[in-house]
Each structure stands twice: as C-alpha cells, then as structure tokens.
Amino acid sequence: MTEITMAKMSQLSETQKEEVRKIFVTSYYKDMKTLHRDTERLLGGFRRLLQEDLIRVAMDGDRPVAMVGCSTNKRRAMEVNKEDFLSNFGFIWGHVGYFSFRKEYGEPLAIDDDTLYFECVATNEADRRQGVAGQMLLNLIETEPYKTFALDVVDSNGRAQSVYERIGFREMHRKKSWIGKIFMDYSESIWMSRPKHLPGVPE
C-alpha cells in the first residue's frame, strides 16, 4: 500500500493542482463524456469547479494520487462556473450541464454542524486498487474535528461501496437521481455514514 500524506489543494503548486484536476476528470470521465468527449474540454469546463480550500489531496511524495471534497452544511467543495461550461461545452450542452450540475451540487447539504461530507472521491488511475482512497478517508476521519462522516456512492459502483464498508461506513438510505439517468450510468445514490469512533474499536 502506498504511504500517503495529506494536503489542501490550495497549498499545492499550479502543476500539482492541474494533476488533481486530471485525477478528477479521468476518474469521472464516463459520467462527464455526455458533455464532451475531449478531455481537454472537460478540464476547461471544470477548471474552477473544485474549491481548493475544501479539496484534500493524498500525496505520494510530491505526486498527487487521490482527492476528495470536504463539504459542510455551509459550503460545498464544488461550485459550477457557467462561463467555463458555455465556453467549453457549447451553448446547448453548456446550459444543460450547468443547470443540471448546479441543481445537484449548488444546494446546501442537509447535515448538522458536526458532520463532514466526503464528495467526489477520486484516485489516480495508476494508483487504484492499492488502498489509497480508504487510507485517505481514514486519515481525514482521524484528523478532521467532526463527529460524523458521510458520503454517497452510486448504485452501479459496487467496488467503491465495498471499500467504504470496509472502513466502517454503513448504508443509511437511497435517493433516486435524475442527473444520474441523464448523464451517468446509475439510477440511485446510496448515502453512507459512520461515526468518528466505531463502537468496539479502541480510540
């Protein structure tokens, strides 16, 4: 397993930040290609999406290997930029994508002040299946000052769901997603949660 350290995206160099954006786009390419099949266009459209002070990055030395957004009931880790969508995806798909993603990610989360929500977990392709994502989340659970941690995973991603279950997350409820049906290959998102300290596990 790769030994990682954690950093805020805002602390990284511009070259490293671009690598983080590439990790995000390549990880979700299957879901985003409805907007555009060209990776450079997707990078342009989502360039200002990631709110750098809320993005945590797993580092292997100086190399970003994974990322996750840390959202609260006050701020989301992603904020869609209409100008970027229109200039990269065109008038029609730019508007469709903007309003769809804004509906999904533009609303405050219905969670309490003691809950941190992990959003858009993504791992560099060459570093997948090495336990990086789980290690990254466990590091944040240990270090972030929250009592409860939540995330959601799509119903078509059984592998990710298994990873989250192994580190203590349990399914709470499911929500049908119209954006998933339009842009992505899923119909429901599965909300999962875990406390900071698991019952029966020494602190």
N, C-alpha and C. Protein backbone atom coordinates (compact mmCIF):
# COMPACT_ATOMS: atom_id res chain seq x y z
N MET A 1 0.84 -1.19 0.00
CA MET A 1 0.00 0.00 0.00
C MET A 1 0.88 1.25 0.00
N THR A 2 0.50 2.22 -0.84
CA THR A 2 1.22 3.48 -0.90
C THR A 2 1.06 4.26 0.40
N GLU A 3 2.17 4.73 0.97
CA GLU A 3 2.12 5.57 2.16
C GLU A 3 1.88 7.01 1.72
N ILE A 4 0.83 7.62 2.24
CA ILE A 4 0.45 8.94 1.77
C ILE A 4 0.53 9.98 2.88
N THR A 5 0.66 11.22 2.47
CA THR A 5 0.47 12.36 3.35
C THR A 5 -0.68 13.17 2.77
N MET A 6 -1.27 14.06 3.59
CA MET A 6 -2.43 14.83 3.14
C MET A 6 -2.08 16.31 3.00
N ALA A 7 -2.69 16.96 2.02
CA ALA A 7 -2.50 18.39 1.80
C ALA A 7 -3.79 19.00 1.28
N LYS A 8 -3.96 20.29 1.52
CA LYS A 8 -5.04 21.02 0.88
C LYS A 8 -4.63 21.33 -0.55
N MET A 9 -5.59 21.29 -1.47
CA MET A 9 -5.28 21.63 -2.85
C MET A 9 -4.74 23.05 -2.95
N SER A 10 -5.22 23.95 -2.11
CA SER A 10 -4.79 25.35 -2.14
C SER A 10 -3.31 25.51 -1.80
N GLN A 11 -2.70 24.51 -1.17
CA GLN A 11 -1.30 24.57 -0.78
C GLN A 11 -0.36 24.06 -1.88
N LEU A 12 -0.91 23.48 -2.92
CA LEU A 12 -0.09 22.84 -3.95
C LEU A 12 0.38 23.83 -5.00
N SER A 13 1.38 23.41 -5.78
CA SER A 13 1.86 24.22 -6.91
C SER A 13 0.82 24.15 -8.03
N GLU A 14 0.93 25.04 -8.99
CA GLU A 14 -0.02 25.04 -10.11
C GLU A 14 0.07 23.73 -10.90
N THR A 15 1.27 23.19 -11.03
CA THR A 15 1.43 21.91 -11.74
C THR A 15 0.73 20.79 -10.99
N GLN A 16 0.87 20.77 -9.68
CA GLN A 16 0.21 19.75 -8.87
C GLN A 16 -1.31 19.91 -8.89
N LYS A 17 -1.78 21.16 -8.88
CA LYS A 17 -3.22 21.41 -8.95
C LYS A 17 -3.80 20.87 -10.26
N GLU A 18 -3.06 21.05 -11.34
CA GLU A 18 -3.54 20.54 -12.62
C GLU A 18 -3.61 19.02 -12.60
N GLU A 19 -2.67 18.39 -11.91
CA GLU A 19 -2.72 16.93 -11.78
C GLU A 19 -3.95 16.49 -11.00
N VAL A 20 -4.32 17.26 -9.98
CA VAL A 20 -5.52 16.95 -9.20
C VAL A 20 -6.75 17.05 -10.10
N ARG A 21 -6.82 18.09 -10.92
CA ARG A 21 -7.96 18.25 -11.83
C ARG A 21 -8.03 17.07 -12.81
N LYS A 22 -6.87 16.62 -13.27
CA LYS A 22 -6.84 15.47 -14.19
C LYS A 22 -7.33 14.20 -13.50
N ILE A 23 -6.96 14.03 -12.23
CA ILE A 23 -7.44 12.87 -11.47
C ILE A 23 -8.97 12.91 -11.40
N PHE A 24 -9.51 14.09 -11.14
CA PHE A 24 -10.96 14.24 -11.04
C PHE A 24 -11.63 13.92 -12.38
N VAL A 25 -11.14 14.52 -13.46
CA VAL A 25 -11.78 14.35 -14.77
C VAL A 25 -11.64 12.91 -15.27
N THR A 26 -10.46 12.33 -15.15
CA THR A 26 -10.29 10.96 -15.65
C THR A 26 -11.08 9.95 -14.81
N SER A 27 -11.22 10.21 -13.52
CA SER A 27 -11.98 9.31 -12.66
C SER A 27 -13.47 9.33 -12.99
N TYR A 28 -13.96 10.49 -13.41
CA TYR A 28 -15.39 10.62 -13.70
C TYR A 28 -15.66 10.82 -15.18
N TYR A 29 -14.70 10.44 -16.03
CA TYR A 29 -14.85 10.65 -17.47
C TYR A 29 -16.10 9.99 -18.02
N LYS A 30 -16.37 8.76 -17.59
CA LYS A 30 -17.54 8.03 -18.09
C LYS A 30 -18.82 8.81 -17.81
N ASP A 31 -18.84 9.50 -16.67
CA ASP A 31 -20.01 10.26 -16.29
C ASP A 31 -20.08 11.62 -16.99
N MET A 32 -18.92 12.16 -17.37
CA MET A 32 -18.88 13.51 -17.93
C MET A 32 -18.90 13.55 -19.46
N LYS A 33 -18.64 12.43 -20.11
CA LYS A 33 -18.44 12.47 -21.56
C LYS A 33 -19.68 12.87 -22.34
N THR A 34 -20.86 12.86 -21.70
CA THR A 34 -22.06 13.37 -22.36
C THR A 34 -21.88 14.84 -22.69
N LEU A 35 -21.19 15.58 -21.82
CA LEU A 35 -20.95 17.00 -22.06
C LEU A 35 -19.93 17.21 -23.17
N HIS A 36 -18.85 16.41 -23.15
CA HIS A 36 -17.84 16.49 -24.20
C HIS A 36 -16.90 15.29 -24.08
N ARG A 37 -16.51 14.72 -25.19
CA ARG A 37 -15.63 13.55 -25.15
C ARG A 37 -14.16 13.91 -25.10
N ASP A 38 -13.83 15.19 -25.32
CA ASP A 38 -12.44 15.62 -25.31
C ASP A 38 -12.02 15.96 -23.87
N THR A 39 -10.97 15.31 -23.40
CA THR A 39 -10.53 15.51 -22.02
C THR A 39 -10.12 16.94 -21.75
N GLU A 40 -9.47 17.59 -22.71
CA GLU A 40 -9.04 18.98 -22.51
C GLU A 40 -10.24 19.91 -22.35
N ARG A 41 -11.31 19.63 -23.09
CA ARG A 41 -12.53 20.42 -22.95
C ARG A 41 -13.14 20.22 -21.56
N LEU A 42 -13.12 18.99 -21.09
CA LEU A 42 -13.65 18.71 -19.76
C LEU A 42 -12.81 19.40 -18.69
N LEU A 43 -11.49 19.37 -18.85
CA LEU A 43 -10.63 20.07 -17.90
C LEU A 43 -10.93 21.57 -17.90
N GLY A 44 -11.19 22.12 -19.06
CA GLY A 44 -11.52 23.54 -19.15
C GLY A 44 -12.86 23.84 -18.49
N GLY A 45 -13.84 22.98 -18.77
CA GLY A 45 -15.17 23.21 -18.21
C GLY A 45 -15.22 23.10 -16.70
N PHE A 46 -14.38 22.23 -16.15
CA PHE A 46 -14.39 22.00 -14.70
C PHE A 46 -13.19 22.65 -14.00
N ARG A 47 -12.50 23.56 -14.69
CA ARG A 47 -11.26 24.13 -14.13
C ARG A 47 -11.49 24.83 -12.81
N ARG A 48 -12.60 25.56 -12.69
CA ARG A 48 -12.87 26.30 -11.45
C ARG A 48 -13.90 25.61 -10.57
N LEU A 49 -14.23 24.37 -10.89
CA LEU A 49 -15.23 23.64 -10.13
C LEU A 49 -14.77 23.32 -8.72
N LEU A 50 -13.54 22.83 -8.60
CA LEU A 50 -13.03 22.38 -7.31
C LEU A 50 -12.65 23.58 -6.44
N GLN A 51 -13.28 23.70 -5.28
CA GLN A 51 -12.98 24.78 -4.35
C GLN A 51 -11.74 24.38 -3.55
N GLU A 52 -10.61 24.98 -3.91
CA GLU A 52 -9.31 24.45 -3.50
C GLU A 52 -9.12 24.36 -1.99
N ASP A 53 -9.74 25.25 -1.22
CA ASP A 53 -9.56 25.19 0.24
C ASP A 53 -10.36 24.06 0.87
N LEU A 54 -11.29 23.46 0.10
CA LEU A 54 -12.11 22.36 0.61
C LEU A 54 -11.74 21.01 -0.01
N ILE A 55 -10.74 21.01 -0.87
CA ILE A 55 -10.29 19.77 -1.51
C ILE A 55 -9.06 19.26 -0.76
N ARG A 56 -9.13 18.02 -0.31
CA ARG A 56 -7.98 17.38 0.34
C ARG A 56 -7.35 16.41 -0.66
N VAL A 57 -6.02 16.42 -0.69
CA VAL A 57 -5.28 15.64 -1.68
C VAL A 57 -4.33 14.68 -0.99
N ALA A 58 -4.38 13.43 -1.38
CA ALA A 58 -3.43 12.43 -0.90
C ALA A 58 -2.18 12.51 -1.77
N MET A 59 -1.03 12.65 -1.11
CA MET A 59 0.23 12.83 -1.81
C MET A 59 1.16 11.64 -1.58
N ASP A 60 1.77 11.17 -2.64
CA ASP A 60 2.86 10.20 -2.55
C ASP A 60 4.13 10.98 -2.87
N GLY A 61 4.79 11.46 -1.84
CA GLY A 61 5.90 12.40 -2.06
C GLY A 61 5.32 13.71 -2.57
N ASP A 62 5.79 14.15 -3.74
CA ASP A 62 5.28 15.38 -4.35
C ASP A 62 4.18 15.10 -5.38
N ARG A 63 3.75 13.86 -5.47
CA ARG A 63 2.81 13.47 -6.53
C ARG A 63 1.40 13.26 -5.98
N PRO A 64 0.41 14.02 -6.49
CA PRO A 64 -0.98 13.78 -6.08
C PRO A 64 -1.45 12.41 -6.59
N VAL A 65 -2.06 11.63 -5.67
CA VAL A 65 -2.53 10.30 -6.08
C VAL A 65 -4.04 10.13 -5.88
N ALA A 66 -4.66 11.00 -5.08
CA ALA A 66 -6.10 10.91 -4.87
C ALA A 66 -6.60 12.23 -4.32
N MET A 67 -7.91 12.44 -4.41
CA MET A 67 -8.50 13.68 -3.92
C MET A 67 -9.91 13.40 -3.41
N VAL A 68 -10.39 14.31 -2.55
CA VAL A 68 -11.76 14.25 -2.08
C VAL A 68 -12.20 15.64 -1.66
N GLY A 69 -13.45 15.98 -1.95
CA GLY A 69 -14.01 17.23 -1.49
C GLY A 69 -14.57 17.06 -0.09
N CYS A 70 -14.36 18.06 0.77
CA CYS A 70 -14.86 18.03 2.15
C CYS A 70 -15.91 19.13 2.29
N SER A 71 -17.18 18.74 2.23
CA SER A 71 -18.27 19.70 2.26
C SER A 71 -18.97 19.70 3.61
N THR A 72 -19.55 20.86 3.95
CA THR A 72 -20.31 21.01 5.19
C THR A 72 -21.71 21.53 4.85
N ASN A 73 -22.49 21.82 5.88
CA ASN A 73 -23.82 22.38 5.63
C ASN A 73 -23.75 23.86 5.26
N LYS A 74 -22.55 24.41 5.23
CA LYS A 74 -22.38 25.82 4.86
C LYS A 74 -21.77 25.99 3.47
N ARG A 75 -20.88 25.08 3.08
CA ARG A 75 -20.22 25.21 1.78
C ARG A 75 -20.04 23.85 1.13
N ARG A 76 -20.20 23.84 -0.21
CA ARG A 76 -19.91 22.64 -0.98
C ARG A 76 -18.51 22.75 -1.55
N ALA A 77 -17.86 21.61 -1.73
CA ALA A 77 -16.49 21.58 -2.24
C ALA A 77 -16.42 21.79 -3.75
N MET A 78 -17.59 21.83 -4.39
CA MET A 78 -17.64 22.06 -5.83
C MET A 78 -18.62 23.18 -6.13
N GLU A 79 -18.23 24.05 -7.04
CA GLU A 79 -19.08 25.17 -7.44
C GLU A 79 -18.98 25.34 -8.95
N VAL A 80 -20.07 25.10 -9.64
CA VAL A 80 -20.08 25.11 -11.10
C VAL A 80 -19.96 26.54 -11.62
N ASN A 81 -19.12 26.73 -12.64
CA ASN A 81 -18.92 28.04 -13.25
C ASN A 81 -19.59 28.05 -14.63
N LYS A 82 -20.61 28.86 -14.78
CA LYS A 82 -21.40 28.88 -16.01
C LYS A 82 -20.55 29.27 -17.22
N GLU A 83 -19.70 30.27 -17.06
CA GLU A 83 -18.85 30.74 -18.16
C GLU A 83 -17.95 29.61 -18.68
N ASP A 84 -17.37 28.84 -17.77
CA ASP A 84 -16.50 27.73 -18.18
C ASP A 84 -17.28 26.66 -18.92
N PHE A 85 -18.50 26.37 -18.46
CA PHE A 85 -19.33 25.37 -19.12
C PHE A 85 -19.68 25.81 -20.54
N LEU A 86 -20.11 27.05 -20.71
CA LEU A 86 -20.53 27.53 -22.03
C LEU A 86 -19.36 27.58 -23.01
N SER A 87 -18.21 28.04 -22.54
CA SER A 87 -17.07 28.19 -23.45
C SER A 87 -16.46 26.85 -23.86
N ASN A 88 -16.65 25.81 -23.06
CA ASN A 88 -16.05 24.52 -23.37
C ASN A 88 -17.03 23.49 -23.92
N PHE A 89 -18.32 23.60 -23.55
CA PHE A 89 -19.29 22.60 -23.96
C PHE A 89 -20.32 23.12 -24.95
N GLY A 90 -20.23 24.41 -25.30
CA GLY A 90 -21.18 24.96 -26.26
C GLY A 90 -22.43 25.48 -25.58
N PHE A 91 -23.25 26.18 -26.37
CA PHE A 91 -24.43 26.86 -25.82
C PHE A 91 -25.44 25.87 -25.23
N ILE A 92 -25.77 24.84 -26.00
CA ILE A 92 -26.82 23.92 -25.55
C ILE A 92 -26.34 23.05 -24.39
N TRP A 93 -25.26 22.28 -24.63
CA TRP A 93 -24.78 21.37 -23.58
C TRP A 93 -24.19 22.14 -22.40
N GLY A 94 -23.67 23.35 -22.68
CA GLY A 94 -23.17 24.16 -21.59
C GLY A 94 -24.29 24.53 -20.63
N HIS A 95 -25.45 24.95 -21.18
CA HIS A 95 -26.57 25.29 -20.33
C HIS A 95 -27.17 24.06 -19.65
N VAL A 96 -27.33 22.98 -20.41
CA VAL A 96 -27.88 21.76 -19.83
C VAL A 96 -26.99 21.28 -18.68
N GLY A 97 -25.68 21.25 -18.92
CA GLY A 97 -24.76 20.80 -17.89
C GLY A 97 -24.73 21.72 -16.70
N TYR A 98 -24.73 23.02 -16.95
CA TYR A 98 -24.66 23.98 -15.86
C TYR A 98 -25.85 23.85 -14.92
N PHE A 99 -27.06 23.86 -15.48
CA PHE A 99 -28.24 23.81 -14.63
C PHE A 99 -28.39 22.44 -13.95
N SER A 100 -27.96 21.39 -14.63
CA SER A 100 -28.03 20.05 -14.03
C SER A 100 -27.07 19.93 -12.86
N PHE A 101 -25.82 20.33 -13.07
CA PHE A 101 -24.83 20.22 -12.01
C PHE A 101 -25.11 21.21 -10.88
N ARG A 102 -25.66 22.37 -11.23
CA ARG A 102 -25.99 23.33 -10.19
C ARG A 102 -27.11 22.79 -9.30
N LYS A 103 -28.06 22.11 -9.90
CA LYS A 103 -29.15 21.51 -9.11
C LYS A 103 -28.61 20.43 -8.17
N GLU A 104 -27.63 19.66 -8.66
CA GLU A 104 -27.09 18.56 -7.88
C GLU A 104 -26.12 19.04 -6.79
N TYR A 105 -25.31 20.04 -7.12
CA TYR A 105 -24.23 20.45 -6.21
C TYR A 105 -24.37 21.87 -5.68
N GLY A 106 -25.38 22.60 -6.11
CA GLY A 106 -25.50 24.00 -5.72
C GLY A 106 -26.27 24.25 -4.45
N GLU A 107 -26.94 23.22 -3.95
CA GLU A 107 -27.75 23.39 -2.75
C GLU A 107 -26.95 23.02 -1.49
N PRO A 108 -27.18 23.73 -0.40
CA PRO A 108 -26.53 23.35 0.87
C PRO A 108 -26.94 21.94 1.27
N LEU A 109 -26.05 21.24 1.93
CA LEU A 109 -26.33 19.88 2.37
C LEU A 109 -27.17 19.89 3.65
N ALA A 110 -28.11 18.96 3.70
CA ALA A 110 -28.98 18.85 4.88
C ALA A 110 -28.30 17.98 5.93
N ILE A 111 -27.21 18.49 6.48
CA ILE A 111 -26.47 17.79 7.53
C ILE A 111 -26.24 18.75 8.68
N ASP A 112 -25.92 18.22 9.85
CA ASP A 112 -25.72 19.11 11.00
C ASP A 112 -24.28 19.62 11.04
N ASP A 113 -24.03 20.49 12.02
CA ASP A 113 -22.72 21.14 12.13
C ASP A 113 -21.60 20.16 12.47
N ASP A 114 -21.96 19.00 12.99
CA ASP A 114 -20.95 18.03 13.42
C ASP A 114 -20.63 16.98 12.36
N THR A 115 -21.18 17.16 11.14
CA THR A 115 -20.98 16.18 10.08
C THR A 115 -20.15 16.75 8.94
N LEU A 116 -19.19 15.98 8.46
CA LEU A 116 -18.39 16.31 7.28
C LEU A 116 -18.77 15.34 6.18
N TYR A 117 -19.02 15.89 5.00
CA TYR A 117 -19.46 15.09 3.86
C TYR A 117 -18.33 14.96 2.85
N PHE A 118 -17.95 13.73 2.54
CA PHE A 118 -16.91 13.47 1.53
C PHE A 118 -17.55 13.43 0.16
N GLU A 119 -17.05 14.28 -0.73
CA GLU A 119 -17.66 14.46 -2.05
C GLU A 119 -16.66 14.16 -3.16
N CYS A 120 -17.10 13.35 -4.12
CA CYS A 120 -16.30 13.07 -5.32
C CYS A 120 -14.91 12.52 -4.99
N VAL A 121 -14.87 11.38 -4.34
CA VAL A 121 -13.61 10.68 -4.09
C VAL A 121 -13.05 10.22 -5.44
N ALA A 122 -11.78 10.51 -5.69
CA ALA A 122 -11.16 10.15 -6.97
C ALA A 122 -9.71 9.74 -6.75
N THR A 123 -9.29 8.69 -7.44
CA THR A 123 -7.92 8.18 -7.33
C THR A 123 -7.27 8.15 -8.70
N ASN A 124 -6.01 8.52 -8.76
CA ASN A 124 -5.24 8.43 -9.99
C ASN A 124 -5.29 7.00 -10.53
N GLU A 125 -5.47 6.87 -11.83
CA GLU A 125 -5.68 5.55 -12.43
C GLU A 125 -4.57 4.56 -12.08
N ALA A 126 -3.32 5.00 -12.09
CA ALA A 126 -2.20 4.10 -11.83
C ALA A 126 -2.11 3.68 -10.37
N ASP A 127 -2.83 4.38 -9.49
CA ASP A 127 -2.74 4.10 -8.06
C ASP A 127 -4.00 3.43 -7.50
N ARG A 128 -4.91 3.02 -8.38
CA ARG A 128 -6.14 2.39 -7.92
C ARG A 128 -5.89 0.96 -7.44
N ARG A 129 -6.81 0.49 -6.61
CA ARG A 129 -6.77 -0.88 -6.06
C ARG A 129 -5.53 -1.12 -5.20
N GLN A 130 -5.05 -0.04 -4.58
CA GLN A 130 -3.92 -0.15 -3.66
C GLN A 130 -4.27 0.37 -2.26
N GLY A 131 -5.55 0.60 -2.03
CA GLY A 131 -5.98 1.06 -0.72
C GLY A 131 -5.81 2.55 -0.48
N VAL A 132 -5.52 3.32 -1.52
CA VAL A 132 -5.24 4.74 -1.35
C VAL A 132 -6.48 5.50 -0.88
N ALA A 133 -7.62 5.27 -1.52
CA ALA A 133 -8.84 6.00 -1.17
C ALA A 133 -9.24 5.74 0.28
N GLY A 134 -9.23 4.48 0.69
CA GLY A 134 -9.57 4.15 2.06
C GLY A 134 -8.63 4.77 3.06
N GLN A 135 -7.33 4.74 2.76
CA GLN A 135 -6.33 5.33 3.65
C GLN A 135 -6.53 6.83 3.75
N MET A 136 -6.85 7.47 2.63
CA MET A 136 -7.09 8.92 2.61
C MET A 136 -8.28 9.28 3.50
N LEU A 137 -9.38 8.56 3.37
CA LEU A 137 -10.57 8.85 4.16
C LEU A 137 -10.34 8.59 5.65
N LEU A 138 -9.66 7.49 5.96
CA LEU A 138 -9.37 7.20 7.37
C LEU A 138 -8.48 8.28 7.99
N ASN A 139 -7.53 8.80 7.21
CA ASN A 139 -6.68 9.89 7.69
C ASN A 139 -7.52 11.11 8.03
N LEU A 140 -8.47 11.45 7.17
CA LEU A 140 -9.32 12.62 7.40
C LEU A 140 -10.28 12.40 8.56
N ILE A 141 -10.81 11.19 8.68
CA ILE A 141 -11.69 10.88 9.81
C ILE A 141 -10.95 11.07 11.13
N GLU A 142 -9.68 10.70 11.14
CA GLU A 142 -8.88 10.83 12.35
C GLU A 142 -8.53 12.28 12.67
N THR A 143 -8.29 13.07 11.64
CA THR A 143 -7.74 14.41 11.87
C THR A 143 -8.77 15.55 11.81
N GLU A 144 -9.87 15.37 11.10
CA GLU A 144 -10.85 16.45 10.99
C GLU A 144 -11.75 16.48 12.24
N PRO A 145 -12.10 17.67 12.73
CA PRO A 145 -12.81 17.80 14.00
C PRO A 145 -14.33 17.64 13.88
N TYR A 146 -14.77 16.51 13.36
CA TYR A 146 -16.20 16.24 13.22
C TYR A 146 -16.54 14.92 13.91
N LYS A 147 -17.81 14.80 14.31
CA LYS A 147 -18.26 13.60 15.00
C LYS A 147 -18.76 12.52 14.04
N THR A 148 -19.28 12.96 12.89
CA THR A 148 -19.88 12.04 11.92
C THR A 148 -19.35 12.35 10.53
N PHE A 149 -19.17 11.31 9.73
CA PHE A 149 -18.68 11.46 8.36
C PHE A 149 -19.65 10.75 7.42
N ALA A 150 -19.95 11.41 6.32
CA ALA A 150 -20.92 10.87 5.37
C ALA A 150 -20.38 10.97 3.95
N LEU A 151 -20.95 10.17 3.08
CA LEU A 151 -20.63 10.20 1.65
C LEU A 151 -21.75 9.51 0.93
N ASP A 152 -21.75 9.61 -0.39
CA ASP A 152 -22.66 8.76 -1.15
C ASP A 152 -21.93 8.12 -2.30
N VAL A 153 -22.44 7.01 -2.75
CA VAL A 153 -21.84 6.25 -3.83
C VAL A 153 -22.98 5.79 -4.73
N VAL A 154 -22.73 5.76 -6.04
CA VAL A 154 -23.79 5.37 -6.96
C VAL A 154 -24.01 3.87 -6.92
N ASP A 155 -25.23 3.46 -7.23
CA ASP A 155 -25.59 2.06 -7.11
C ASP A 155 -24.86 1.16 -8.12
N SER A 156 -24.26 1.76 -9.14
CA SER A 156 -23.53 0.96 -10.13
C SER A 156 -22.06 0.76 -9.75
N ASN A 157 -21.62 1.35 -8.65
CA ASN A 157 -20.22 1.27 -8.24
C ASN A 157 -20.07 0.40 -6.99
N GLY A 158 -20.26 -0.90 -7.18
CA GLY A 158 -20.16 -1.82 -6.06
C GLY A 158 -18.79 -1.90 -5.45
N ARG A 159 -17.74 -1.70 -6.25
CA ARG A 159 -16.37 -1.76 -5.73
C ARG A 159 -16.13 -0.65 -4.70
N ALA A 160 -16.54 0.57 -5.02
CA ALA A 160 -16.36 1.67 -4.08
C ALA A 160 -17.20 1.45 -2.82
N GLN A 161 -18.41 0.95 -3.00
CA GLN A 161 -19.25 0.70 -1.83
C GLN A 161 -18.58 -0.30 -0.89
N SER A 162 -17.93 -1.31 -1.44
CA SER A 162 -17.24 -2.30 -0.61
C SER A 162 -16.07 -1.66 0.15
N VAL A 163 -15.35 -0.75 -0.52
CA VAL A 163 -14.24 -0.05 0.15
C VAL A 163 -14.76 0.74 1.34
N TYR A 164 -15.86 1.47 1.14
CA TYR A 164 -16.40 2.29 2.21
C TYR A 164 -16.92 1.43 3.37
N GLU A 165 -17.52 0.31 3.04
CA GLU A 165 -18.00 -0.59 4.10
C GLU A 165 -16.84 -1.15 4.92
N ARG A 166 -15.72 -1.43 4.27
CA ARG A 166 -14.56 -1.98 4.98
C ARG A 166 -13.99 -1.00 6.00
N ILE A 167 -14.17 0.31 5.76
CA ILE A 167 -13.63 1.29 6.71
C ILE A 167 -14.73 1.86 7.61
N GLY A 168 -15.85 1.15 7.70
CA GLY A 168 -16.84 1.47 8.71
C GLY A 168 -18.09 2.20 8.28
N PHE A 169 -18.21 2.56 7.00
CA PHE A 169 -19.41 3.24 6.54
C PHE A 169 -20.55 2.23 6.36
N ARG A 170 -21.77 2.67 6.68
CA ARG A 170 -22.95 1.83 6.52
C ARG A 170 -24.03 2.59 5.77
N GLU A 171 -24.79 1.87 4.96
CA GLU A 171 -25.86 2.49 4.18
C GLU A 171 -26.94 3.03 5.09
N MET A 172 -27.35 4.28 4.81
CA MET A 172 -28.42 4.92 5.58
C MET A 172 -29.72 5.00 4.77
N HIS A 173 -29.61 5.45 3.53
CA HIS A 173 -30.79 5.49 2.67
C HIS A 173 -30.34 5.66 1.22
N ARG A 174 -31.30 5.57 0.30
CA ARG A 174 -31.02 5.74 -1.12
C ARG A 174 -31.87 6.87 -1.70
N LYS A 175 -31.31 7.52 -2.73
CA LYS A 175 -32.01 8.63 -3.36
C LYS A 175 -31.92 8.47 -4.88
N LYS A 176 -33.08 8.52 -5.54
CA LYS A 176 -33.08 8.45 -7.00
C LYS A 176 -32.49 9.73 -7.57
N SER A 177 -31.74 9.59 -8.65
CA SER A 177 -31.04 10.74 -9.22
C SER A 177 -31.36 10.89 -10.70
N TRP A 178 -32.02 12.00 -11.04
CA TRP A 178 -32.32 12.22 -12.45
C TRP A 178 -31.08 12.64 -13.23
N ILE A 179 -30.13 13.31 -12.55
CA ILE A 179 -28.89 13.66 -13.26
C ILE A 179 -28.09 12.40 -13.57
N GLY A 180 -28.20 11.39 -12.70
CA GLY A 180 -27.54 10.12 -12.96
C GLY A 180 -28.11 9.42 -14.18
N LYS A 181 -29.41 9.51 -14.36
CA LYS A 181 -30.05 8.88 -15.51
C LYS A 181 -29.73 9.60 -16.82
N ILE A 182 -29.59 10.94 -16.73
CA ILE A 182 -29.33 11.73 -17.93
C ILE A 182 -27.87 11.64 -18.36
N PHE A 183 -26.95 11.86 -17.41
CA PHE A 183 -25.54 11.97 -17.74
C PHE A 183 -24.73 10.72 -17.43
N MET A 184 -25.18 9.93 -16.47
CA MET A 184 -24.33 8.89 -15.93
C MET A 184 -25.03 7.55 -15.92
N ASP A 185 -24.29 6.53 -15.61
CA ASP A 185 -24.80 5.17 -15.69
C ASP A 185 -25.27 4.67 -14.31
N TYR A 186 -26.20 5.41 -13.70
CA TYR A 186 -26.75 4.94 -12.43
C TYR A 186 -28.13 5.55 -12.23
N SER A 187 -28.90 4.97 -11.32
CA SER A 187 -30.24 5.47 -11.07
C SER A 187 -30.44 5.93 -9.63
N GLU A 188 -29.60 5.44 -8.71
CA GLU A 188 -29.72 5.82 -7.32
C GLU A 188 -28.36 6.15 -6.72
N SER A 189 -28.35 7.09 -5.77
CA SER A 189 -27.15 7.31 -4.96
C SER A 189 -27.42 6.74 -3.58
N ILE A 190 -26.40 6.10 -3.02
CA ILE A 190 -26.52 5.44 -1.73
C ILE A 190 -25.81 6.30 -0.69
N TRP A 191 -26.56 6.83 0.27
CA TRP A 191 -25.99 7.65 1.33
C TRP A 191 -25.44 6.73 2.41
N MET A 192 -24.16 6.94 2.77
CA MET A 192 -23.50 6.13 3.77
C MET A 192 -22.92 7.03 4.85
N SER A 193 -22.81 6.50 6.06
CA SER A 193 -22.34 7.31 7.18
C SER A 193 -21.59 6.43 8.18
N ARG A 194 -20.72 7.07 8.98
CA ARG A 194 -20.05 6.40 10.08
C ARG A 194 -19.67 7.43 11.14
N PRO A 195 -19.61 7.02 12.40
CA PRO A 195 -19.14 7.94 13.44
C PRO A 195 -17.62 8.04 13.41
N LYS A 196 -17.10 9.05 14.05
CA LYS A 196 -15.64 9.20 14.12
C LYS A 196 -15.02 7.99 14.80
N HIS A 197 -15.62 7.54 15.90
CA HIS A 197 -15.12 6.41 16.63
C HIS A 197 -16.11 5.24 16.50
N LEU A 198 -15.68 4.15 15.93
CA LEU A 198 -16.55 3.00 15.75
C LEU A 198 -16.73 2.25 17.07
N PRO A 199 -17.94 1.78 17.35
CA PRO A 199 -18.18 1.02 18.58
C PRO A 199 -17.29 -0.23 18.63
N GLY A 200 -16.69 -0.44 19.79
CA GLY A 200 -15.88 -1.63 19.98
C GLY A 200 -14.45 -1.51 19.47
N VAL A 201 -14.12 -0.35 18.87
CA VAL A 201 -12.75 -0.14 18.36
C VAL A 201 -12.03 0.82 19.30
N PRO A 202 -10.90 0.44 19.88
CA PRO A 202 -10.18 1.34 20.80
C PRO A 202 -9.80 2.64 20.11
N GLU A 203 -9.90 3.75 20.82
CA GLU A 203 -9.53 5.05 20.25
C GLU A 203 -8.01 5.23 20.29
